[in-house]
């Protein structure tokens, strides 16, 4: 299994980023997918999740209305659109299979830095 996150970077407060996660090594369309983030010195936090098949989504309260996750099963890719970013959301962002906890090993993540 391989999970490759991309799309992170430096953005000003209030800005936006779109993260991508390319998955391989498992039948992507069969799995719920989720996004997590880990700030320095903190534990890994579930940010968003999307089910297989119908694409039902769920979000942490702190990101509702600003973050949107979607998936493209034909491309084995899951996305996280992040709008109106805040400095406290500076973290390494990861994806994994599963609804509330990662099923597979973790990828390298993508760094998101929100700063002026």
N, C-alpha and C. Protein backbone atom coordinates (compact mmCIF):
# COMPACT_ATOMS: atom_id res chain seq x y z
N UNK A 1 0.85 -1.19 0.00
CA UNK A 1 0.00 0.00 0.00
C UNK A 1 0.88 1.24 0.00
N UNK A 2 0.47 2.20 -0.81
CA UNK A 2 1.20 3.47 -0.85
C UNK A 2 0.19 4.61 -0.85
N UNK A 3 0.44 5.58 0.00
CA UNK A 3 -0.38 6.78 0.09
C UNK A 3 0.55 7.98 -0.08
N UNK A 4 0.31 8.78 -1.10
CA UNK A 4 1.19 9.90 -1.41
C UNK A 4 0.38 11.19 -1.39
N UNK A 5 0.63 11.99 -0.37
CA UNK A 5 -0.07 13.27 -0.23
C UNK A 5 0.73 14.37 -0.92
N UNK A 6 0.02 15.34 -1.47
CA UNK A 6 0.66 16.47 -2.13
C UNK A 6 -0.26 17.68 -2.08
N UNK A 7 0.30 18.83 -2.44
CA UNK A 7 -0.51 20.03 -2.52
C UNK A 7 -0.33 21.00 -1.37
N UNK A 8 0.44 20.62 -0.37
CA UNK A 8 0.68 21.53 0.74
C UNK A 8 1.58 22.68 0.35
N UNK A 9 1.77 23.59 1.29
CA UNK A 9 2.62 24.74 1.04
C UNK A 9 2.40 25.82 2.05
N UNK A 10 2.93 26.99 1.74
CA UNK A 10 2.77 28.17 2.59
C UNK A 10 1.63 29.01 2.06
N UNK A 11 0.71 29.36 2.93
CA UNK A 11 -0.43 30.17 2.53
C UNK A 11 -0.73 31.18 3.63
N UNK A 12 -1.22 32.31 3.24
CA UNK A 12 -1.58 33.35 4.21
C UNK A 12 -2.90 33.01 4.91
N UNK A 13 -3.09 33.51 6.10
CA UNK A 13 -4.39 33.31 6.77
C UNK A 13 -5.52 33.77 5.86
N UNK A 14 -6.58 32.96 5.83
CA UNK A 14 -7.68 33.25 4.93
C UNK A 14 -7.53 32.67 3.56
N UNK A 15 -6.37 32.11 3.27
CA UNK A 15 -6.11 31.54 1.96
C UNK A 15 -6.66 30.13 1.82
N UNK A 16 -6.33 29.51 0.70
CA UNK A 16 -6.85 28.18 0.43
C UNK A 16 -5.77 27.31 -0.19
N UNK A 17 -5.97 26.01 -0.03
CA UNK A 17 -5.14 24.99 -0.63
C UNK A 17 -6.01 23.80 -1.00
N UNK A 18 -5.56 23.04 -1.98
CA UNK A 18 -6.21 21.78 -2.33
C UNK A 18 -5.18 20.66 -2.22
N UNK A 19 -5.42 19.77 -1.31
CA UNK A 19 -4.54 18.63 -1.12
C UNK A 19 -5.04 17.44 -1.94
N UNK A 20 -4.09 16.63 -2.38
CA UNK A 20 -4.41 15.40 -3.08
C UNK A 20 -3.72 14.23 -2.38
N UNK A 21 -4.33 13.08 -2.50
CA UNK A 21 -3.74 11.86 -1.97
C UNK A 21 -3.91 10.76 -3.01
N UNK A 22 -2.81 10.33 -3.57
CA UNK A 22 -2.82 9.25 -4.56
C UNK A 22 -2.58 7.93 -3.85
N UNK A 23 -3.49 7.00 -4.03
CA UNK A 23 -3.43 5.73 -3.33
C UNK A 23 -3.14 4.59 -4.30
N UNK A 24 -2.45 3.60 -3.82
CA UNK A 24 -2.19 2.41 -4.63
C UNK A 24 -1.97 1.21 -3.72
N UNK A 25 -2.13 0.02 -4.29
CA UNK A 25 -1.87 -1.19 -3.53
C UNK A 25 -3.09 -1.79 -2.86
N UNK A 26 -4.24 -1.17 -3.04
CA UNK A 26 -5.48 -1.74 -2.52
C UNK A 26 -6.62 -1.28 -3.42
N UNK A 27 -7.77 -1.90 -3.27
CA UNK A 27 -8.92 -1.56 -4.13
C UNK A 27 -9.55 -0.30 -3.56
N UNK A 28 -9.12 0.82 -4.09
CA UNK A 28 -9.46 2.15 -3.55
C UNK A 28 -10.96 2.34 -3.41
N UNK A 29 -11.71 1.96 -4.40
CA UNK A 29 -13.15 2.23 -4.41
C UNK A 29 -13.89 1.47 -3.31
N UNK A 30 -13.27 0.47 -2.73
CA UNK A 30 -13.91 -0.31 -1.67
C UNK A 30 -13.77 0.30 -0.28
N UNK A 31 -12.95 1.34 -0.17
CA UNK A 31 -12.59 1.85 1.14
C UNK A 31 -13.09 3.28 1.36
N UNK A 32 -13.59 3.51 2.58
CA UNK A 32 -13.73 4.89 3.04
C UNK A 32 -12.32 5.49 3.12
N UNK A 33 -12.25 6.79 2.92
CA UNK A 33 -10.97 7.48 3.00
C UNK A 33 -11.09 8.67 3.95
N UNK A 34 -10.00 9.01 4.58
CA UNK A 34 -10.04 10.08 5.57
C UNK A 34 -8.75 10.91 5.55
N UNK A 35 -8.88 12.11 6.06
CA UNK A 35 -7.77 13.05 6.17
C UNK A 35 -7.51 13.34 7.64
N UNK A 36 -6.23 13.47 7.96
CA UNK A 36 -5.80 13.76 9.32
C UNK A 36 -4.75 14.86 9.27
N UNK A 37 -4.52 15.46 10.39
CA UNK A 37 -3.42 16.42 10.48
C UNK A 37 -2.74 16.28 11.84
N UNK A 38 -1.47 16.63 11.83
CA UNK A 38 -0.68 16.56 13.06
C UNK A 38 0.17 17.81 13.15
N UNK A 39 -0.15 18.63 14.14
CA UNK A 39 0.63 19.84 14.40
C UNK A 39 1.83 19.47 15.26
N UNK A 40 2.85 20.31 15.26
CA UNK A 40 4.05 20.02 16.06
C UNK A 40 3.71 19.79 17.51
N UNK A 41 4.18 18.69 18.06
CA UNK A 41 3.97 18.38 19.47
C UNK A 41 2.58 17.90 19.82
N UNK A 42 1.75 17.66 18.80
CA UNK A 42 0.36 17.26 19.04
C UNK A 42 0.11 15.89 18.45
N UNK A 43 -1.01 15.28 18.84
CA UNK A 43 -1.40 14.01 18.27
C UNK A 43 -2.04 14.19 16.91
N UNK A 44 -2.24 13.11 16.22
CA UNK A 44 -2.87 13.15 14.91
C UNK A 44 -4.38 13.31 15.08
N UNK A 45 -4.96 14.23 14.33
CA UNK A 45 -6.36 14.62 14.47
C UNK A 45 -7.12 14.30 13.18
N UNK A 46 -8.26 13.66 13.32
CA UNK A 46 -9.13 13.41 12.16
C UNK A 46 -9.76 14.71 11.70
N UNK A 47 -9.64 14.99 10.42
CA UNK A 47 -10.16 16.25 9.87
C UNK A 47 -11.42 16.01 9.04
N UNK A 48 -11.38 15.01 8.17
CA UNK A 48 -12.50 14.78 7.26
C UNK A 48 -12.47 13.32 6.80
N UNK A 49 -13.63 12.83 6.40
CA UNK A 49 -13.72 11.47 5.91
C UNK A 49 -14.79 11.39 4.83
N UNK A 50 -14.64 10.43 3.95
CA UNK A 50 -15.60 10.23 2.87
C UNK A 50 -15.79 8.74 2.66
N UNK A 51 -17.05 8.31 2.55
CA UNK A 51 -17.32 6.89 2.40
C UNK A 51 -17.06 6.44 0.98
N UNK A 52 -16.91 5.14 0.85
CA UNK A 52 -16.89 4.55 -0.48
C UNK A 52 -18.31 4.56 -1.04
N UNK A 53 -18.46 4.25 -2.27
CA UNK A 53 -19.76 4.20 -2.96
C UNK A 53 -20.46 5.56 -2.99
N UNK A 54 -21.24 5.91 -1.98
CA UNK A 54 -22.07 7.12 -2.07
C UNK A 54 -21.32 8.41 -1.78
N UNK A 55 -20.13 8.32 -1.23
CA UNK A 55 -19.36 9.52 -0.97
C UNK A 55 -19.92 10.39 0.14
N UNK A 56 -20.54 9.78 1.13
CA UNK A 56 -20.99 10.54 2.30
C UNK A 56 -19.77 11.11 3.01
N UNK A 57 -19.88 12.34 3.49
CA UNK A 57 -18.73 12.99 4.12
C UNK A 57 -19.01 13.34 5.57
N UNK A 58 -17.93 13.50 6.32
CA UNK A 58 -18.01 13.91 7.71
C UNK A 58 -16.79 14.77 8.01
N UNK A 59 -16.97 15.76 8.87
CA UNK A 59 -15.90 16.71 9.14
C UNK A 59 -15.77 16.98 10.63
N UNK A 60 -14.56 17.29 11.03
CA UNK A 60 -14.36 17.80 12.39
C UNK A 60 -15.10 19.13 12.52
N UNK A 61 -15.63 19.39 13.70
CA UNK A 61 -16.40 20.63 13.89
C UNK A 61 -15.59 21.87 13.52
N UNK A 62 -14.30 21.82 13.77
CA UNK A 62 -13.46 22.99 13.55
C UNK A 62 -13.29 23.35 12.08
N UNK A 63 -13.59 22.43 11.17
CA UNK A 63 -13.38 22.71 9.75
C UNK A 63 -14.68 22.71 8.96
N UNK A 64 -15.79 22.40 9.58
CA UNK A 64 -17.07 22.37 8.87
C UNK A 64 -17.35 23.71 8.21
N UNK A 65 -17.78 23.65 6.97
CA UNK A 65 -18.08 24.85 6.22
C UNK A 65 -16.89 25.45 5.51
N UNK A 66 -15.69 24.98 5.82
CA UNK A 66 -14.49 25.52 5.18
C UNK A 66 -13.73 24.45 4.39
N UNK A 67 -13.77 23.22 4.83
CA UNK A 67 -13.06 22.13 4.17
C UNK A 67 -14.07 21.23 3.46
N UNK A 68 -13.65 20.72 2.31
CA UNK A 68 -14.47 19.78 1.55
C UNK A 68 -13.59 18.64 1.05
N UNK A 69 -14.02 17.41 1.31
CA UNK A 69 -13.29 16.27 0.79
C UNK A 69 -14.09 15.63 -0.33
N UNK A 70 -13.38 15.12 -1.31
CA UNK A 70 -14.02 14.45 -2.44
C UNK A 70 -13.08 13.34 -2.91
N UNK A 71 -13.60 12.52 -3.79
CA UNK A 71 -12.77 11.41 -4.28
C UNK A 71 -13.03 11.16 -5.76
N UNK A 72 -12.00 10.65 -6.41
CA UNK A 72 -12.10 10.25 -7.82
C UNK A 72 -11.64 8.80 -7.89
N UNK A 73 -12.59 7.89 -7.83
CA UNK A 73 -12.22 6.48 -7.76
C UNK A 73 -11.48 6.02 -9.01
N UNK A 74 -11.81 6.59 -10.15
CA UNK A 74 -11.13 6.19 -11.38
C UNK A 74 -9.65 6.54 -11.35
N UNK A 75 -9.31 7.51 -10.50
CA UNK A 75 -7.91 7.95 -10.40
C UNK A 75 -7.28 7.53 -9.08
N UNK A 76 -8.00 6.76 -8.27
CA UNK A 76 -7.50 6.33 -6.96
C UNK A 76 -6.98 7.52 -6.15
N UNK A 77 -7.74 8.58 -6.15
CA UNK A 77 -7.30 9.82 -5.51
C UNK A 77 -8.41 10.40 -4.65
N UNK A 78 -8.00 10.92 -3.50
CA UNK A 78 -8.92 11.64 -2.63
C UNK A 78 -8.36 13.06 -2.46
N UNK A 79 -9.27 14.01 -2.34
CA UNK A 79 -8.90 15.42 -2.28
C UNK A 79 -9.40 16.06 -1.00
N UNK A 80 -8.73 17.14 -0.61
CA UNK A 80 -9.18 17.96 0.50
C UNK A 80 -9.03 19.42 0.10
N UNK A 81 -10.15 20.06 -0.14
CA UNK A 81 -10.16 21.50 -0.43
C UNK A 81 -10.28 22.24 0.89
N UNK A 82 -9.33 23.11 1.16
CA UNK A 82 -9.29 23.83 2.43
C UNK A 82 -9.37 25.32 2.15
N UNK A 83 -10.42 25.95 2.65
CA UNK A 83 -10.63 27.38 2.45
C UNK A 83 -10.54 28.11 3.78
N UNK A 84 -10.27 29.40 3.69
CA UNK A 84 -10.21 30.25 4.88
C UNK A 84 -9.31 29.63 5.96
N UNK A 85 -8.11 29.30 5.58
CA UNK A 85 -7.20 28.63 6.49
C UNK A 85 -6.75 29.54 7.62
N UNK A 86 -6.49 28.93 8.77
CA UNK A 86 -6.10 29.65 9.97
C UNK A 86 -4.69 29.23 10.39
N UNK A 87 -3.97 30.11 11.05
CA UNK A 87 -2.61 29.75 11.48
C UNK A 87 -2.57 28.50 12.35
N UNK A 88 -3.59 28.28 13.16
CA UNK A 88 -3.61 27.10 14.03
C UNK A 88 -3.74 25.81 13.25
N UNK A 89 -4.02 25.92 11.95
CA UNK A 89 -4.15 24.72 11.12
C UNK A 89 -2.83 24.34 10.44
N UNK A 90 -1.80 25.01 10.82
CA UNK A 90 -0.48 24.61 10.38
C UNK A 90 -0.18 23.22 10.92
N UNK A 91 0.12 22.31 10.02
CA UNK A 91 0.30 20.91 10.41
C UNK A 91 0.77 20.12 9.20
N UNK A 92 1.15 18.89 9.45
CA UNK A 92 1.36 17.93 8.37
C UNK A 92 0.03 17.20 8.17
N UNK A 93 -0.42 17.16 6.94
CA UNK A 93 -1.70 16.55 6.61
C UNK A 93 -1.46 15.19 5.95
N UNK A 94 -2.24 14.21 6.39
CA UNK A 94 -2.12 12.84 5.93
C UNK A 94 -3.48 12.32 5.45
N UNK A 95 -3.44 11.36 4.57
CA UNK A 95 -4.65 10.63 4.24
C UNK A 95 -4.45 9.16 4.62
N UNK A 96 -5.56 8.46 4.74
CA UNK A 96 -5.49 7.03 4.98
C UNK A 96 -6.84 6.43 4.64
N UNK A 97 -6.91 5.15 4.51
CA UNK A 97 -8.17 4.45 4.36
C UNK A 97 -8.82 4.31 5.72
N UNK A 98 -10.15 4.22 5.72
CA UNK A 98 -10.88 4.09 6.97
C UNK A 98 -11.74 5.30 7.25
N UNK A 99 -12.69 5.15 8.18
CA UNK A 99 -13.64 6.23 8.47
C UNK A 99 -13.20 7.10 9.62
N UNK A 100 -12.72 6.47 10.69
CA UNK A 100 -12.32 7.25 11.87
C UNK A 100 -10.89 6.97 12.31
N UNK A 101 -10.27 5.99 11.70
CA UNK A 101 -8.89 5.67 12.05
C UNK A 101 -8.20 5.09 10.84
N UNK A 102 -6.93 5.37 10.71
CA UNK A 102 -6.19 4.87 9.56
C UNK A 102 -6.05 3.36 9.59
N UNK A 103 -6.24 2.75 8.45
CA UNK A 103 -6.15 1.30 8.34
C UNK A 103 -4.74 0.86 7.97
N UNK A 104 -4.13 1.63 7.08
CA UNK A 104 -2.82 1.25 6.57
C UNK A 104 -1.72 2.09 7.21
N UNK A 105 -0.49 1.80 6.82
CA UNK A 105 0.62 2.61 7.27
C UNK A 105 0.51 4.02 6.73
N UNK A 106 1.17 4.94 7.37
CA UNK A 106 1.05 6.35 7.00
C UNK A 106 2.07 6.74 5.94
N UNK A 107 1.64 7.62 5.05
CA UNK A 107 2.56 8.19 4.07
C UNK A 107 3.40 9.28 4.70
N UNK A 108 4.08 10.04 3.87
CA UNK A 108 4.97 11.08 4.39
C UNK A 108 4.21 12.35 4.75
N UNK A 109 2.97 12.46 4.28
CA UNK A 109 2.18 13.65 4.56
C UNK A 109 2.62 14.83 3.71
N UNK A 110 1.86 15.90 3.82
CA UNK A 110 2.20 17.14 3.11
C UNK A 110 2.08 18.30 4.10
N UNK A 111 3.10 19.13 4.14
CA UNK A 111 3.15 20.22 5.12
C UNK A 111 2.28 21.39 4.66
N UNK A 112 1.43 21.83 5.55
CA UNK A 112 0.64 23.04 5.33
C UNK A 112 1.05 24.06 6.39
N UNK A 113 1.48 25.21 5.93
CA UNK A 113 1.88 26.28 6.83
C UNK A 113 1.03 27.50 6.53
N UNK A 114 0.32 27.95 7.55
CA UNK A 114 -0.55 29.12 7.41
C UNK A 114 0.08 30.26 8.21
N UNK A 115 0.60 31.23 7.48
CA UNK A 115 1.32 32.31 8.14
C UNK A 115 1.38 33.52 7.23
N UNK A 116 1.38 34.68 7.85
CA UNK A 116 1.54 35.91 7.09
C UNK A 116 3.00 36.32 7.03
